[in-house]
């Protein structure tokens, strides 16, 4: 007869220390060319990822000037738009991502957003 073991249930709030949980972030940044807003969005995203997700993220930049049909994949209606594809659920943030606190909340990293 096999012995049954119980696993302790771990309760955490949504977004609580996801980085420490070993999750990988798959991010898509939709832009339209090399506009100042698009460049700012990429720079802000890169800085945020290096600070809060070091080694646990992948950024794919999709230029809708070159491939406009790709906007349909993630239902992008404004640019720049950041789409967090992983971890699920999918989340979207529109804008240049200059508000770090708001971006962290949008990525469900709100425990790292501070007061």
N, C-alpha and C. Protein backbone atom coordinates (compact mmCIF):
# COMPACT_ATOMS: atom_id res chain seq x y z
N UNK A 1 0.83 -1.17 0.00
CA UNK A 1 0.00 0.00 0.00
C UNK A 1 0.89 1.24 0.00
N UNK A 2 0.52 2.19 -0.88
CA UNK A 2 1.30 3.42 -0.99
C UNK A 2 0.84 4.43 0.05
N UNK A 3 1.79 5.10 0.63
CA UNK A 3 1.47 6.14 1.61
C UNK A 3 1.11 7.42 0.86
N UNK A 4 0.06 8.05 1.31
CA UNK A 4 -0.35 9.32 0.71
C UNK A 4 0.34 10.44 1.46
N UNK A 5 0.81 11.40 0.69
CA UNK A 5 1.43 12.56 1.31
C UNK A 5 0.62 13.79 0.98
N UNK A 6 0.59 14.69 1.92
CA UNK A 6 -0.13 15.94 1.72
C UNK A 6 0.88 17.02 1.39
N UNK A 7 0.52 17.83 0.42
CA UNK A 7 1.34 18.98 0.09
C UNK A 7 0.77 20.19 0.79
N UNK A 8 1.64 20.97 1.37
CA UNK A 8 1.19 22.20 2.03
C UNK A 8 0.78 23.21 0.95
N UNK A 9 -0.39 23.76 1.10
CA UNK A 9 -0.86 24.78 0.15
C UNK A 9 -0.17 26.09 0.44
N UNK A 10 0.38 26.68 -0.60
CA UNK A 10 1.05 27.98 -0.45
C UNK A 10 0.13 29.05 -0.98
N UNK A 11 -0.22 29.97 -0.13
CA UNK A 11 -1.09 31.06 -0.56
C UNK A 11 -0.24 32.31 -0.76
N UNK A 12 -0.40 32.90 -1.93
CA UNK A 12 0.26 34.16 -2.20
C UNK A 12 -0.72 35.07 -2.90
N UNK A 13 -0.52 36.34 -2.76
CA UNK A 13 -1.38 37.29 -3.45
C UNK A 13 -0.98 37.34 -4.91
N UNK A 14 -1.90 37.76 -5.80
CA UNK A 14 -1.55 37.86 -7.21
C UNK A 14 -0.34 38.77 -7.41
N UNK A 15 0.63 38.30 -8.16
CA UNK A 15 1.81 39.10 -8.43
C UNK A 15 2.87 39.06 -7.34
N UNK A 16 2.59 38.37 -6.27
CA UNK A 16 3.53 38.36 -5.14
C UNK A 16 4.81 37.63 -5.50
N UNK A 17 5.86 38.37 -5.60
CA UNK A 17 7.20 37.85 -5.82
C UNK A 17 7.28 36.85 -6.97
N UNK A 18 6.69 37.20 -8.10
CA UNK A 18 6.71 36.32 -9.27
C UNK A 18 8.13 36.10 -9.77
N UNK A 19 8.96 37.11 -9.64
CA UNK A 19 10.33 36.98 -10.10
C UNK A 19 11.05 35.86 -9.36
N UNK A 20 10.85 35.77 -8.06
CA UNK A 20 11.50 34.74 -7.26
C UNK A 20 10.94 33.36 -7.56
N UNK A 21 9.73 33.29 -8.09
CA UNK A 21 9.10 32.01 -8.39
C UNK A 21 9.71 31.36 -9.63
N UNK A 22 10.58 32.06 -10.33
CA UNK A 22 11.25 31.49 -11.49
C UNK A 22 10.45 31.59 -12.76
N UNK A 23 9.45 32.45 -12.80
CA UNK A 23 8.65 32.59 -14.01
C UNK A 23 9.42 33.34 -15.07
N UNK A 24 9.15 32.99 -16.31
CA UNK A 24 9.76 33.66 -17.45
C UNK A 24 8.72 34.59 -18.07
N UNK A 25 9.13 35.79 -18.41
CA UNK A 25 8.23 36.77 -19.01
C UNK A 25 8.49 36.87 -20.51
N UNK A 26 7.44 36.65 -21.28
CA UNK A 26 7.49 36.78 -22.73
C UNK A 26 6.75 38.06 -23.08
N UNK A 27 7.49 39.06 -23.54
CA UNK A 27 6.93 40.39 -23.79
C UNK A 27 7.04 40.77 -25.26
N UNK A 28 5.97 41.36 -25.79
CA UNK A 28 5.98 41.89 -27.15
C UNK A 28 5.70 43.38 -27.07
N UNK A 29 6.56 44.15 -27.72
CA UNK A 29 6.37 45.59 -27.78
C UNK A 29 6.04 45.96 -29.22
N UNK A 30 4.82 46.44 -29.43
CA UNK A 30 4.38 46.86 -30.75
C UNK A 30 4.67 48.34 -30.90
N UNK A 31 5.40 48.69 -31.97
CA UNK A 31 5.77 50.07 -32.25
C UNK A 31 5.47 50.37 -33.72
N UNK A 32 5.59 51.64 -34.09
CA UNK A 32 5.43 52.05 -35.49
C UNK A 32 6.65 52.86 -35.88
N UNK A 33 7.68 52.19 -36.36
CA UNK A 33 8.90 52.88 -36.76
C UNK A 33 9.75 53.31 -35.58
N UNK A 34 10.65 54.23 -35.86
CA UNK A 34 11.61 54.72 -34.87
C UNK A 34 11.18 56.08 -34.31
N UNK A 35 9.93 56.20 -33.91
CA UNK A 35 9.43 57.46 -33.36
C UNK A 35 10.00 57.67 -31.95
N UNK A 36 10.02 58.91 -31.48
CA UNK A 36 10.50 59.16 -30.12
C UNK A 36 9.73 58.36 -29.07
N UNK A 37 8.42 58.24 -29.24
CA UNK A 37 7.61 57.50 -28.27
C UNK A 37 7.94 56.00 -28.30
N UNK A 38 8.17 55.47 -29.49
CA UNK A 38 8.54 54.05 -29.62
C UNK A 38 9.90 53.78 -29.00
N UNK A 39 10.85 54.65 -29.26
CA UNK A 39 12.19 54.50 -28.69
C UNK A 39 12.17 54.62 -27.17
N UNK A 40 11.36 55.56 -26.67
CA UNK A 40 11.23 55.73 -25.22
C UNK A 40 10.61 54.49 -24.59
N UNK A 41 9.59 53.94 -25.24
CA UNK A 41 8.93 52.74 -24.71
C UNK A 41 9.92 51.59 -24.60
N UNK A 42 10.73 51.39 -25.63
CA UNK A 42 11.71 50.31 -25.59
C UNK A 42 12.76 50.54 -24.51
N UNK A 43 13.27 51.75 -24.42
CA UNK A 43 14.28 52.06 -23.40
C UNK A 43 13.71 51.87 -22.00
N UNK A 44 12.50 52.36 -21.76
CA UNK A 44 11.88 52.22 -20.45
C UNK A 44 11.62 50.75 -20.11
N UNK A 45 11.17 49.98 -21.10
CA UNK A 45 10.91 48.56 -20.87
C UNK A 45 12.20 47.81 -20.57
N UNK A 46 13.22 48.08 -21.33
CA UNK A 46 14.51 47.41 -21.13
C UNK A 46 15.06 47.69 -19.73
N UNK A 47 15.00 48.94 -19.31
CA UNK A 47 15.49 49.31 -17.98
C UNK A 47 14.68 48.62 -16.88
N UNK A 48 13.37 48.63 -17.02
CA UNK A 48 12.50 48.00 -16.03
C UNK A 48 12.78 46.50 -15.94
N UNK A 49 12.93 45.85 -17.09
CA UNK A 49 13.19 44.41 -17.10
C UNK A 49 14.53 44.07 -16.46
N UNK A 50 15.55 44.87 -16.75
CA UNK A 50 16.86 44.62 -16.16
C UNK A 50 16.82 44.76 -14.64
N UNK A 51 16.03 45.71 -14.14
CA UNK A 51 15.94 45.93 -12.70
C UNK A 51 15.09 44.89 -11.98
N UNK A 52 13.99 44.46 -12.62
CA UNK A 52 13.01 43.63 -11.91
C UNK A 52 12.89 42.19 -12.41
N UNK A 53 13.40 41.91 -13.61
CA UNK A 53 13.26 40.57 -14.18
C UNK A 53 14.57 40.04 -14.76
N UNK A 54 15.67 40.47 -14.24
CA UNK A 54 16.98 40.13 -14.80
C UNK A 54 17.09 38.64 -15.14
N UNK A 55 17.35 38.37 -16.42
CA UNK A 55 17.54 37.00 -16.86
C UNK A 55 16.27 36.18 -17.01
N UNK A 56 15.12 36.79 -16.77
CA UNK A 56 13.86 36.04 -16.81
C UNK A 56 12.85 36.65 -17.76
N UNK A 57 13.34 37.25 -18.82
CA UNK A 57 12.43 37.88 -19.76
C UNK A 57 12.97 37.79 -21.18
N UNK A 58 12.04 37.95 -22.12
CA UNK A 58 12.38 38.03 -23.55
C UNK A 58 11.51 39.12 -24.13
N UNK A 59 12.13 40.05 -24.83
CA UNK A 59 11.40 41.14 -25.48
C UNK A 59 11.46 40.94 -26.98
N UNK A 60 10.29 40.95 -27.61
CA UNK A 60 10.19 40.91 -29.06
C UNK A 60 9.58 42.23 -29.50
N UNK A 61 10.31 42.98 -30.32
CA UNK A 61 9.82 44.26 -30.82
C UNK A 61 9.22 44.02 -32.19
N UNK A 62 7.96 44.42 -32.35
CA UNK A 62 7.26 44.25 -33.62
C UNK A 62 6.96 45.63 -34.19
N UNK A 63 7.56 45.91 -35.34
CA UNK A 63 7.38 47.18 -36.02
C UNK A 63 6.20 47.06 -36.98
N UNK A 64 5.11 47.73 -36.66
CA UNK A 64 3.89 47.63 -37.46
C UNK A 64 3.98 48.40 -38.77
N UNK A 65 5.00 49.22 -38.94
CA UNK A 65 5.23 49.86 -40.24
C UNK A 65 5.67 48.79 -41.24
N UNK A 66 6.48 47.86 -40.79
CA UNK A 66 6.99 46.79 -41.65
C UNK A 66 6.02 45.62 -41.77
N UNK A 67 5.31 45.30 -40.69
CA UNK A 67 4.40 44.14 -40.68
C UNK A 67 3.09 44.51 -39.99
N UNK A 68 2.25 45.31 -40.64
CA UNK A 68 1.00 45.76 -40.01
C UNK A 68 0.02 44.63 -39.69
N UNK A 69 0.09 43.54 -40.42
CA UNK A 69 -0.83 42.43 -40.19
C UNK A 69 -0.63 41.78 -38.82
N UNK A 70 0.54 41.95 -38.21
CA UNK A 70 0.81 41.36 -36.90
C UNK A 70 0.02 42.02 -35.77
N UNK A 71 -0.52 43.20 -36.01
CA UNK A 71 -1.32 43.88 -34.98
C UNK A 71 -2.56 43.05 -34.64
N UNK A 72 -3.03 42.29 -35.59
CA UNK A 72 -4.22 41.47 -35.38
C UNK A 72 -3.98 40.36 -34.36
N UNK A 73 -2.76 39.81 -34.32
CA UNK A 73 -2.46 38.69 -33.41
C UNK A 73 -2.82 39.00 -31.97
N UNK A 74 -2.42 40.17 -31.50
CA UNK A 74 -2.68 40.56 -30.10
C UNK A 74 -3.72 41.66 -29.99
N UNK A 75 -4.48 41.88 -31.05
CA UNK A 75 -5.54 42.88 -31.07
C UNK A 75 -5.04 44.25 -30.62
N UNK A 76 -3.96 44.70 -31.24
CA UNK A 76 -3.35 45.98 -30.91
C UNK A 76 -4.10 47.09 -31.64
N UNK A 77 -4.55 48.08 -30.87
CA UNK A 77 -5.30 49.19 -31.47
C UNK A 77 -4.61 50.54 -31.29
N UNK A 78 -3.55 50.57 -30.50
CA UNK A 78 -2.79 51.81 -30.27
C UNK A 78 -1.32 51.44 -30.15
N UNK A 79 -0.45 52.40 -30.42
CA UNK A 79 0.97 52.13 -30.30
C UNK A 79 1.66 53.28 -29.57
N UNK A 80 2.73 53.01 -28.85
CA UNK A 80 3.25 51.68 -28.56
C UNK A 80 2.36 50.91 -27.58
N UNK A 81 2.34 49.59 -27.75
CA UNK A 81 1.60 48.70 -26.87
C UNK A 81 2.53 47.58 -26.44
N UNK A 82 2.57 47.32 -25.14
CA UNK A 82 3.31 46.20 -24.59
C UNK A 82 2.32 45.09 -24.28
N UNK A 83 2.62 43.89 -24.74
CA UNK A 83 1.77 42.73 -24.46
C UNK A 83 2.60 41.72 -23.68
N UNK A 84 2.13 41.38 -22.49
CA UNK A 84 2.77 40.32 -21.70
C UNK A 84 2.05 39.03 -22.06
N UNK A 85 2.72 38.16 -22.81
CA UNK A 85 2.12 36.91 -23.26
C UNK A 85 2.30 35.82 -22.21
N UNK A 86 3.41 35.82 -21.52
CA UNK A 86 3.66 34.87 -20.43
C UNK A 86 4.21 35.66 -19.26
N UNK A 87 3.89 35.31 -18.06
CA UNK A 87 2.95 34.28 -17.65
C UNK A 87 1.51 34.69 -17.95
N UNK A 88 0.67 33.70 -18.05
CA UNK A 88 -0.75 33.94 -18.32
C UNK A 88 -1.37 34.61 -17.09
N UNK A 89 -2.39 35.38 -17.17
CA UNK A 89 -3.13 35.77 -18.37
C UNK A 89 -2.39 36.87 -19.13
N UNK A 90 -2.76 37.03 -20.40
CA UNK A 90 -2.18 38.08 -21.23
C UNK A 90 -2.58 39.44 -20.66
N UNK A 91 -1.61 40.35 -20.63
CA UNK A 91 -1.86 41.71 -20.16
C UNK A 91 -1.31 42.69 -21.17
N UNK A 92 -1.97 43.85 -21.30
CA UNK A 92 -1.55 44.88 -22.25
C UNK A 92 -1.39 46.22 -21.55
N UNK A 93 -0.36 46.95 -21.99
CA UNK A 93 -0.10 48.29 -21.48
C UNK A 93 0.15 49.19 -22.69
N UNK A 94 -0.58 50.27 -22.77
CA UNK A 94 -0.45 51.20 -23.89
C UNK A 94 0.33 52.43 -23.42
N UNK A 95 1.28 52.88 -24.23
CA UNK A 95 2.02 54.10 -23.92
C UNK A 95 3.52 53.87 -23.93
N UNK A 96 4.26 54.89 -23.51
CA UNK A 96 5.72 54.83 -23.57
C UNK A 96 6.35 54.22 -22.32
N UNK A 97 5.53 53.75 -21.39
CA UNK A 97 5.99 53.03 -20.19
C UNK A 97 6.86 53.88 -19.28
N UNK A 98 6.69 55.21 -19.34
CA UNK A 98 7.52 56.10 -18.52
C UNK A 98 7.10 56.08 -17.05
N UNK A 99 5.88 55.70 -16.75
CA UNK A 99 5.42 55.60 -15.37
C UNK A 99 5.75 54.20 -14.85
N UNK A 100 6.89 54.08 -14.20
CA UNK A 100 7.39 52.78 -13.75
C UNK A 100 6.40 52.07 -12.85
N UNK A 101 5.83 52.78 -11.90
CA UNK A 101 4.89 52.16 -10.96
C UNK A 101 3.69 51.57 -11.70
N UNK A 102 3.15 52.35 -12.62
CA UNK A 102 1.99 51.89 -13.38
C UNK A 102 2.34 50.70 -14.29
N UNK A 103 3.53 50.72 -14.86
CA UNK A 103 3.98 49.62 -15.70
C UNK A 103 4.16 48.35 -14.88
N UNK A 104 4.76 48.45 -13.70
CA UNK A 104 4.92 47.29 -12.83
C UNK A 104 3.57 46.70 -12.44
N UNK A 105 2.62 47.57 -12.14
CA UNK A 105 1.27 47.09 -11.81
C UNK A 105 0.65 46.41 -13.03
N UNK A 106 0.83 47.01 -14.20
CA UNK A 106 0.30 46.43 -15.42
C UNK A 106 0.89 45.07 -15.75
N UNK A 107 2.15 44.86 -15.39
CA UNK A 107 2.81 43.58 -15.61
C UNK A 107 2.54 42.59 -14.47
N UNK A 108 1.77 43.01 -13.50
CA UNK A 108 1.44 42.22 -12.32
C UNK A 108 2.68 41.97 -11.46
N UNK A 109 3.52 42.96 -11.41
CA UNK A 109 4.69 42.96 -10.53
C UNK A 109 4.49 44.01 -9.45
N UNK A 110 3.26 44.22 -9.06
CA UNK A 110 2.89 45.32 -8.18
C UNK A 110 3.57 45.27 -6.82
N UNK A 111 3.98 44.09 -6.37
CA UNK A 111 4.69 44.00 -5.09
C UNK A 111 6.05 44.69 -5.15
N UNK A 112 6.54 44.93 -6.38
CA UNK A 112 7.82 45.61 -6.56
C UNK A 112 7.66 47.08 -6.90
N UNK A 113 6.40 47.55 -7.00
CA UNK A 113 6.12 48.92 -7.42
C UNK A 113 6.38 49.95 -6.33
N UNK A 114 6.38 49.51 -5.10
CA UNK A 114 6.61 50.45 -3.99
C UNK A 114 5.35 51.20 -3.64
N UNK A 115 5.43 52.14 -2.69
CA UNK A 115 4.24 52.86 -2.22
C UNK A 115 3.71 53.86 -3.23
